[in-house]
Amino acid sequence: MPVLIVGISPETDLLLTGRTAAMAPDVDGQVLINERSAVVGEIVPVCITDAHPYDLVGGIDKE
């Protein structure tokens, strides 16, 4: 799933935050990415590994 990297998580420096094309900023949840190998503004493929009521969690898909 393509995700736009929008920043670093305010909870921890170990996570990036992003959003999909279907997520509105400041309204919908976010995608938490558990690695820091992307930069803000980049669109990366993310494999979703967990889902919460508002947020998704995943890692960057290397394939």
PDB file of N, CA and C in Angstrom:
ATOM      1  N   MET A   1       0.851  -1.166   0.000  1.00  0.00           N
ATOM      2  CA  MET A   1       0.000   0.000   0.000  1.00  0.00           C
ATOM      3  C   MET A   1       0.907   1.242   0.000  1.00  0.00           C
ATOM      4  N   PRO A   2       0.743   2.153  -0.946  1.00  0.00           N
ATOM      5  CA  PRO A   2       1.568   3.362  -0.967  1.00  0.00           C
ATOM      6  C   PRO A   2       1.206   4.313   0.181  1.00  0.00           C
ATOM      7  N   VAL A   3       2.236   4.786   0.871  1.00  0.00           N
ATOM      8  CA  VAL A   3       2.045   5.673   2.021  1.00  0.00           C
ATOM      9  C   VAL A   3       2.975   6.879   1.878  1.00  0.00           C
ATOM     10  N   LEU A   4       2.420   8.071   2.088  1.00  0.00           N
ATOM     11  CA  LEU A   4       3.204   9.300   2.100  1.00  0.00           C
ATOM     12  C   LEU A   4       3.774   9.493   3.502  1.00  0.00           C
ATOM     13  N   ILE A   5       5.087   9.617   3.612  1.00  0.00           N
ATOM     14  CA  ILE A   5       5.720   9.852   4.906  1.00  0.00           C
ATOM     15  C   ILE A   5       5.528  11.327   5.261  1.00  0.00           C
ATOM     16  N   VAL A   6       4.911  11.578   6.431  1.00  0.00           N
ATOM     17  CA  VAL A   6       4.624  12.959   6.821  1.00  0.00           C
ATOM     18  C   VAL A   6       5.441  13.437   8.020  1.00  0.00           C
ATOM     19  N   GLY A   7       6.091  12.535   8.731  1.00  0.00           N
ATOM     20  CA  GLY A   7       6.902  12.989   9.862  1.00  0.00           C
ATOM     21  C   GLY A   7       7.333  11.868  10.774  1.00  0.00           C
ATOM     22  N   ILE A   8       7.879  12.272  11.907  1.00  0.00           N
ATOM     23  CA  ILE A   8       8.311  11.350  12.953  1.00  0.00           C
ATOM     24  C   ILE A   8       7.225  11.328  14.021  1.00  0.00           C
ATOM     25  N   SER A   9       6.970  10.155  14.567  1.00  0.00           N
ATOM     26  CA  SER A   9       5.932  10.015  15.584  1.00  0.00           C
ATOM     27  C   SER A   9       6.239  10.884  16.803  1.00  0.00           C
ATOM     28  N   PRO A  10       5.237  11.594  17.338  1.00  0.00           N
ATOM     29  CA  PRO A  10       5.467  12.396  18.545  1.00  0.00           C
ATOM     30  C   PRO A  10       5.688  11.534  19.791  1.00  0.00           C
ATOM     31  N   GLU A  11       5.270  10.262  19.740  1.00  0.00           N
ATOM     32  CA  GLU A  11       5.434   9.378  20.892  1.00  0.00           C
ATOM     33  C   GLU A  11       6.853   8.829  21.010  1.00  0.00           C
ATOM     34  N   THR A  12       7.491   8.531  19.861  1.00  0.00           N
ATOM     35  CA  THR A  12       8.834   7.951  19.879  1.00  0.00           C
ATOM     36  C   THR A  12       9.557   8.265  18.581  1.00  0.00           C
ATOM     37  N   ASP A  13      10.846   8.450  18.673  1.00  0.00           N
ATOM     38  CA  ASP A  13      11.660   8.720  17.491  1.00  0.00           C
ATOM     39  C   ASP A  13      11.897   7.467  16.654  1.00  0.00           C
ATOM     40  N   LEU A  14      11.435   6.320  17.118  1.00  0.00           N
ATOM     41  CA  LEU A  14      11.652   5.060  16.409  1.00  0.00           C
ATOM     42  C   LEU A  14      10.627   4.815  15.307  1.00  0.00           C
ATOM     43  N   LEU A  15       9.546   5.601  15.276  1.00  0.00           N
ATOM     44  CA  LEU A  15       8.478   5.402  14.297  1.00  0.00           C
ATOM     45  C   LEU A  15       8.323   6.611  13.388  1.00  0.00           C
ATOM     46  N   LEU A  16       8.018   6.335  12.140  1.00  0.00           N
ATOM     47  CA  LEU A  16       7.613   7.383  11.209  1.00  0.00           C
ATOM     48  C   LEU A  16       6.091   7.389  11.143  1.00  0.00           C
ATOM     49  N   THR A  17       5.510   8.505  10.781  1.00  0.00           N
ATOM     50  CA  THR A  17       4.075   8.570  10.552  1.00  0.00           C
ATOM     51  C   THR A  17       3.829   8.874   9.086  1.00  0.00           C
ATOM     52  N   GLY A  18       2.721   8.347   8.593  1.00  0.00           N
ATOM     53  CA  GLY A  18       2.375   8.580   7.203  1.00  0.00           C
ATOM     54  C   GLY A  18       0.878   8.474   7.018  1.00  0.00           C
ATOM     55  N   ARG A  19       0.457   8.633   5.772  1.00  0.00           N
ATOM     56  CA  ARG A  19      -0.962   8.476   5.462  1.00  0.00           C
ATOM     57  C   ARG A  19      -1.112   7.960   4.039  1.00  0.00           C
ATOM     58  N   THR A  20      -2.209   7.264   3.830  1.00  0.00           N
ATOM     59  CA  THR A  20      -2.526   6.763   2.499  1.00  0.00           C
ATOM     60  C   THR A  20      -3.317   7.838   1.752  1.00  0.00           C
ATOM     61  N   ALA A  21      -3.594   7.587   0.498  1.00  0.00           N
ATOM     62  CA  ALA A  21      -4.366   8.541  -0.303  1.00  0.00           C
ATOM     63  C   ALA A  21      -5.786   8.707   0.240  1.00  0.00           C
ATOM     64  N   ALA A  22      -6.291   7.713   0.978  1.00  0.00           N
ATOM     65  CA  ALA A  22      -7.653   7.774   1.503  1.00  0.00           C
ATOM     66  C   ALA A  22      -7.747   8.453   2.866  1.00  0.00           C
ATOM     67  N   MET A  23      -6.609   8.822   3.460  1.00  0.00           N
ATOM     68  CA  MET A  23      -6.596   9.421   4.798  1.00  0.00           C
ATOM     69  C   MET A  23      -6.429  10.930   4.708  1.00  0.00           C
ATOM     70  N   ALA A  24      -7.376  11.663   5.291  1.00  0.00           N
ATOM     71  CA  ALA A  24      -7.285  13.125   5.319  1.00  0.00           C
ATOM     72  C   ALA A  24      -6.415  13.560   6.495  1.00  0.00           C
ATOM     73  N   PRO A  25      -5.561  14.567   6.288  1.00  0.00           N
ATOM     74  CA  PRO A  25      -4.740  15.045   7.402  1.00  0.00           C
ATOM     75  C   PRO A  25      -5.603  15.656   8.504  1.00  0.00           C
ATOM     76  N   ASP A  26      -5.219  15.422   9.750  1.00  0.00           N
ATOM     77  CA  ASP A  26      -5.885  15.981  10.936  1.00  0.00           C
ATOM     78  C   ASP A  26      -7.317  15.498  11.138  1.00  0.00           C
ATOM     79  N   VAL A  27      -7.803  14.563  10.318  1.00  0.00           N
ATOM     80  CA  VAL A  27      -9.162  14.045  10.471  1.00  0.00           C
ATOM     81  C   VAL A  27      -9.120  12.540  10.696  1.00  0.00           C
ATOM     82  N   ASP A  28      -8.457  11.828   9.803  1.00  0.00           N
ATOM     83  CA  ASP A  28      -8.376  10.374   9.880  1.00  0.00           C
ATOM     84  C   ASP A  28      -7.167   9.952  10.709  1.00  0.00           C
ATOM     85  N   GLY A  29      -7.057   8.646  10.898  1.00  0.00           N
ATOM     86  CA  GLY A  29      -5.912   8.089  11.606  1.00  0.00           C
ATOM     87  C   GLY A  29      -4.636   8.246  10.794  1.00  0.00           C
ATOM     88  N   GLN A  30      -3.627   7.496  11.188  1.00  0.00           N
ATOM     89  CA  GLN A  30      -2.343   7.567  10.514  1.00  0.00           C
ATOM     90  C   GLN A  30      -1.764   6.174  10.351  1.00  0.00           C
ATOM     91  N   VAL A  31      -0.734   6.088   9.556  1.00  0.00           N
ATOM     92  CA  VAL A  31       0.019   4.850   9.416  1.00  0.00           C
ATOM     93  C   VAL A  31       1.307   5.036  10.205  1.00  0.00           C
ATOM     94  N   LEU A  32       1.558   4.137  11.148  1.00  0.00           N
ATOM     95  CA  LEU A  32       2.798   4.152  11.914  1.00  0.00           C
ATOM     96  C   LEU A  32       3.747   3.151  11.272  1.00  0.00           C
ATOM     97  N   ILE A  33       4.934   3.612  10.904  1.00  0.00           N
ATOM     98  CA  ILE A  33       5.894   2.782  10.186  1.00  0.00           C
ATOM     99  C   ILE A  33       7.060   2.509  11.120  1.00  0.00           C
ATOM    100  N   ASN A  34       7.331   1.224  11.361  1.00  0.00           N
ATOM    101  CA  ASN A  34       8.291   0.846  12.386  1.00  0.00           C
ATOM    102  C   ASN A  34       9.735   0.762  11.907  1.00  0.00           C
ATOM    103  N   GLU A  35      10.102   1.626  11.004  1.00  0.00           N
ATOM    104  CA  GLU A  35      11.503   1.763  10.619  1.00  0.00           C
ATOM    105  C   GLU A  35      11.737   3.170  10.096  1.00  0.00           C
ATOM    106  N   ARG A  36      12.982   3.581  10.108  1.00  0.00           N
ATOM    107  CA  ARG A  36      13.298   4.971   9.768  1.00  0.00           C
ATOM    108  C   ARG A  36      14.109   5.084   8.482  1.00  0.00           C
ATOM    109  N   SER A  37      13.858   4.224   7.508  1.00  0.00           N
ATOM    110  CA  SER A  37      14.660   4.232   6.283  1.00  0.00           C
ATOM    111  C   SER A  37      14.060   5.098   5.177  1.00  0.00           C
ATOM    112  N   ALA A  38      13.051   5.885   5.470  1.00  0.00           N
ATOM    113  CA  ALA A  38      12.436   6.782   4.479  1.00  0.00           C
ATOM    114  C   ALA A  38      12.536   8.218   4.986  1.00  0.00           C
ATOM    115  N   VAL A  39      12.327   9.155   4.085  1.00  0.00           N
ATOM    116  CA  VAL A  39      12.396  10.572   4.460  1.00  0.00           C
ATOM    117  C   VAL A  39      11.023  11.224   4.272  1.00  0.00           C
ATOM    118  N   VAL A  40      10.800  12.309   4.987  1.00  0.00           N
ATOM    119  CA  VAL A  40       9.534  13.039   4.902  1.00  0.00           C
ATOM    120  C   VAL A  40       9.302  13.496   3.464  1.00  0.00           C
ATOM    121  N   GLY A  41       8.082  13.278   2.978  1.00  0.00           N
ATOM    122  CA  GLY A  41       7.712  13.655   1.617  1.00  0.00           C
ATOM    123  C   GLY A  41       7.822  12.525   0.620  1.00  0.00           C
ATOM    124  N   GLU A  42       8.444  11.439   1.012  1.00  0.00           N
ATOM    125  CA  GLU A  42       8.612  10.285   0.130  1.00  0.00           C
ATOM    126  C   GLU A  42       7.365   9.402   0.185  1.00  0.00           C
ATOM    127  N   ILE A  43       7.011   8.799  -0.935  1.00  0.00           N
ATOM    128  CA  ILE A  43       5.928   7.813  -0.981  1.00  0.00           C
ATOM    129  C   ILE A  43       6.579   6.444  -1.053  1.00  0.00           C
ATOM    130  N   VAL A  44       6.270   5.595  -0.072  1.00  0.00           N
ATOM    131  CA  VAL A  44       6.899   4.279   0.020  1.00  0.00           C
ATOM    132  C   VAL A  44       5.836   3.190   0.097  1.00  0.00           C
ATOM    133  N   PRO A  45       6.147   1.984  -0.396  1.00  0.00           N
ATOM    134  CA  PRO A  45       5.217   0.866  -0.225  1.00  0.00           C
ATOM    135  C   PRO A  45       5.314   0.326   1.204  1.00  0.00           C
ATOM    136  N   VAL A  46       4.177   0.193   1.866  1.00  0.00           N
ATOM    137  CA  VAL A  46       4.149  -0.285   3.249  1.00  0.00           C
ATOM    138  C   VAL A  46       3.302  -1.545   3.324  1.00  0.00           C
ATOM    139  N   CYS A  47       3.822  -2.538   4.022  1.00  0.00           N
ATOM    140  CA  CYS A  47       3.082  -3.771   4.297  1.00  0.00           C
ATOM    141  C   CYS A  47       2.437  -3.608   5.676  1.00  0.00           C
ATOM    142  N   ILE A  48       1.113  -3.563   5.729  1.00  0.00           N
ATOM    143  CA  ILE A  48       0.384  -3.369   6.987  1.00  0.00           C
ATOM    144  C   ILE A  48       0.415  -4.673   7.780  1.00  0.00           C
ATOM    145  N   THR A  49       0.866  -4.587   9.047  1.00  0.00           N
ATOM    146  CA  THR A  49       0.987  -5.769   9.895  1.00  0.00           C
ATOM    147  C   THR A  49       0.011  -5.772  11.066  1.00  0.00           C
ATOM    148  N   ASP A  50      -0.577  -4.619  11.372  1.00  0.00           N
ATOM    149  CA  ASP A  50      -1.497  -4.536  12.500  1.00  0.00           C
ATOM    150  C   ASP A  50      -2.469  -3.380  12.253  1.00  0.00           C
ATOM    151  N   ALA A  51      -3.668  -3.519  12.773  1.00  0.00           N
ATOM    152  CA  ALA A  51      -4.679  -2.470  12.619  1.00  0.00           C
ATOM    153  C   ALA A  51      -5.306  -2.171  13.974  1.00  0.00           C
ATOM    154  N   HIS A  52      -5.485  -0.904  14.252  1.00  0.00           N
ATOM    155  CA  HIS A  52      -6.132  -0.427  15.465  1.00  0.00           C
ATOM    156  C   HIS A  52      -7.379   0.351  15.040  1.00  0.00           C
ATOM    157  N   PRO A  53      -8.237   0.763  15.970  1.00  0.00           N
ATOM    158  CA  PRO A  53      -9.471   1.445  15.558  1.00  0.00           C
ATOM    159  C   PRO A  53      -9.259   2.625  14.608  1.00  0.00           C
ATOM    160  N   TYR A  54      -8.197   3.379  14.788  1.00  0.00           N
ATOM    161  CA  TYR A  54      -7.976   4.541  13.926  1.00  0.00           C
ATOM    162  C   TYR A  54      -6.686   4.465  13.119  1.00  0.00           C
ATOM    163  N   ASP A  55      -5.695   3.760  13.617  1.00  0.00           N
ATOM    164  CA  ASP A  55      -4.374   3.755  13.002  1.00  0.00           C
ATOM    165  C   ASP A  55      -4.003   2.386  12.445  1.00  0.00           C
ATOM    166  N   LEU A  56      -3.094   2.408  11.479  1.00  0.00           N
ATOM    167  CA  LEU A  56      -2.519   1.194  10.914  1.00  0.00           C
ATOM    168  C   LEU A  56      -1.040   1.162  11.275  1.00  0.00           C
ATOM    169  N   VAL A  57      -0.479  -0.041  11.376  1.00  0.00           N
ATOM    170  CA  VAL A  57       0.938  -0.214  11.692  1.00  0.00           C
ATOM    171  C   VAL A  57       1.546  -1.108  10.635  1.00  0.00           C
ATOM    172  N   GLY A  58       2.748  -0.776  10.195  1.00  0.00           N
ATOM    173  CA  GLY A  58       3.402  -1.605   9.196  1.00  0.00           C
ATOM    174  C   GLY A  58       4.856  -1.263   9.027  1.00  0.00           C
ATOM    175  N   GLY A  59       5.464  -1.965   8.093  1.00  0.00           N
ATOM    176  CA  GLY A  59       6.861  -1.736   7.769  1.00  0.00           C
ATOM    177  C   GLY A  59       7.006  -1.490   6.282  1.00  0.00           C
ATOM    178  N   ILE A  60       8.113  -0.899   5.907  1.00  0.00           N
ATOM    179  CA  ILE A  60       8.367  -0.617   4.498  1.00  0.00           C
ATOM    180  C   ILE A  60       8.590  -1.932   3.767  1.00  0.00           C
ATOM    181  N   ASP A  61       7.872  -2.113   2.668  1.00  0.00           N
ATOM    182  CA  ASP A  61       7.953  -3.334   1.864  1.00  0.00           C
ATOM    183  C   ASP A  61       9.176  -3.233   0.962  1.00  0.00           C
ATOM    184  N   LYS A  62      10.141  -4.105   1.177  1.00  0.00           N
ATOM    185  CA  LYS A  62      11.404  -4.060   0.438  1.00  0.00           C
ATOM    186  C   LYS A  62      11.302  -4.682  -0.948  1.00  0.00           C
ATOM    187  N   GLU A  63      10.245  -5.433  -1.217  1.00  0.00           N
ATOM    188  CA  GLU A  63      10.137  -6.138  -2.500  1.00  0.00           C
ATOM    189  C   GLU A  63       9.630  -5.250  -3.596  1.00  0.00           C
TER     190      GLU A  63
END
